[in-house]
Amino acid sequence: STVCRTVTRFFETGTVKDRSRNGRPKSATNDDKTLHVLQSFQENLHLSVSKTAQAHDISEGSVSNIKKSKYYPYKIVIV
């Protein structure tokens, strides 16, 4: 059960936080790149997604995901 696993994890690691996951780490949407992309949009609100992607060497999809997660679609405002 969940309680059993949580208690076991506490005795093994000393904390109830989840263990780190296996797999490929996020590289395109890490905090540094996200910050740089958002700064680009704050400096120039009319900047296109494709030009931003080229400037920061990440995919257009990643730029769109960053933009969607941090801005409202109807008005560019940091959430």
Protein backbone atom coordinates (compact mmCIF):
# COMPACT_ATOMS: atom_id res chain seq x y z
CA SER A 1 0.00 0.00 0.00
CA THR A 2 0.99 3.63 -0.27
CA VAL A 3 1.44 4.01 3.47
CA CYS A 4 3.73 0.97 3.61
CA ARG A 5 5.89 2.29 0.76
CA THR A 6 6.07 5.73 2.34
CA VAL A 7 7.14 4.32 5.72
CA THR A 8 9.73 2.08 4.04
CA ARG A 9 11.07 5.02 2.02
CA PHE A 10 11.33 7.09 5.20
CA PHE A 11 13.40 4.43 6.97
CA GLU A 12 15.63 3.90 3.92
CA THR A 13 16.29 7.53 3.00
CA GLY A 14 15.28 9.56 6.05
CA THR A 15 12.69 11.50 4.06
CA VAL A 16 9.28 10.91 2.51
CA LYS A 17 10.10 12.77 -0.72
CA ASP A 18 9.91 10.82 -3.97
CA ARG A 19 13.11 9.33 -5.30
CA SER A 20 14.60 10.85 -8.42
CA ARG A 21 13.26 9.39 -11.63
CA ASN A 22 15.18 7.55 -14.32
CA GLY A 23 15.22 8.81 -17.86
CA ARG A 24 16.36 11.68 -19.93
CA PRO A 25 16.42 15.01 -18.10
CA LYS A 26 14.63 18.02 -19.52
CA SER A 27 17.14 20.06 -21.44
CA ALA A 28 15.07 22.33 -23.67
CA THR A 29 12.80 23.68 -20.97
CA ASN A 30 15.15 23.90 -18.00
CA ASP A 31 15.04 26.98 -15.79
CA ASP A 32 17.89 28.83 -17.53
CA LYS A 33 16.49 28.48 -21.04
CA THR A 34 12.98 29.26 -19.83
CA LEU A 35 14.23 32.46 -18.25
CA HIS A 36 16.06 33.52 -21.43
CA VAL A 37 13.03 32.80 -23.61
CA LEU A 38 10.72 34.77 -21.32
CA GLN A 39 13.17 37.69 -21.25
CA SER A 40 13.16 37.72 -25.05
CA PHE A 41 9.37 38.01 -25.08
CA GLN A 42 9.41 40.74 -22.45
CA GLU A 43 11.91 42.78 -24.47
CA ASN A 44 9.95 42.39 -27.71
CA LEU A 45 6.30 41.36 -27.40
CA HIS A 46 5.97 40.94 -31.18
CA LEU A 47 8.79 38.40 -31.48
CA SER A 48 7.75 35.24 -33.30
CA VAL A 49 8.08 31.76 -31.84
CA SER A 50 10.25 30.60 -34.74
CA LYS A 51 12.74 33.47 -34.40
CA THR A 52 12.92 32.93 -30.65
CA ALA A 53 13.53 29.22 -31.18
CA GLN A 54 16.35 29.93 -33.62
CA ALA A 55 17.93 32.50 -31.32
CA HIS A 56 17.96 30.13 -28.33
CA ASP A 57 18.68 26.93 -30.30
CA ILE A 58 15.60 25.05 -29.11
CA SER A 59 12.54 23.75 -30.95
CA GLU A 60 9.49 25.85 -31.74
CA GLY A 61 7.39 23.42 -29.73
CA SER A 62 9.50 24.00 -26.63
CA VAL A 63 9.20 27.77 -27.04
CA SER A 64 5.43 27.41 -27.44
CA ASN A 65 5.23 25.24 -24.33
CA ILE A 66 7.25 27.78 -22.32
CA LYS A 67 5.07 30.60 -23.59
CA LYS A 68 1.83 28.73 -22.82
CA SER A 69 2.90 27.76 -19.32
CA LYS A 70 4.05 31.25 -18.28
CA TYR A 71 1.78 33.63 -20.20
CA TYR A 72 -1.94 34.07 -20.72
CA PRO A 73 -2.82 33.55 -24.39
CA TYR A 74 -4.95 36.68 -24.68
CA LYS A 75 -2.46 39.09 -23.12
CA ILE A 76 1.22 38.52 -22.48
CA VAL A 77 1.51 38.76 -18.71
CA ILE A 78 3.67 36.62 -16.43
CA VAL A 79 1.47 34.38 -14.31
